[in-house]
């Protein structure tokens, strides 16, 4: 069910390449029935020890949340592009549908680049079980704990670090690429 739901909306996949010590994102075209190379990922320092130690700092935040848990990692506008209202609406609508269909809980983590308008849309538009972790640069960041506790991950494609780190967990990772 998950694969079918996600394949309708998210079309990128990750592939590990040991000679690069990183990851590639590939895009599948249903029209041409072929894969296209999109991006190389940067190496990172994700490992099970880091994820577990960070999770221990936030155990209380997750103890009453049942599986499946979906990590939704949201970046923001960058030099290469802006998140439009339509992009965020599409992401929220699709993630809400997936979570509701799977009876899952969305664990949403924002970044320093996540715009206030995106946060407002998230707070008012989600129609599923969710927890929103707004990173304010001062309080502890639950990012690695969410990576640890989630069953699979959806990350916005604006941040190579988030995408690379998500793929490095070994968990199913889906990259949201705004159209």
Foldseek 3Di string as FASTA:
>chain_A
DLVVLCVVAFFWFWDDDVVVQWIWIWGADPVVRDIDTDDTFDHDDDDPVVLVVLLVVCVVVCVPFDDQEEEEEEEAADPVGGQDPVNLLSVQVSVLVSCVVVVHEYEYEYDPHHDPVSVVCNVPPRDHHYDYDYDPVPDDGSVSNSLNRHQAYEYEPPDSVSQGNSVVSVHGYTYRYGD
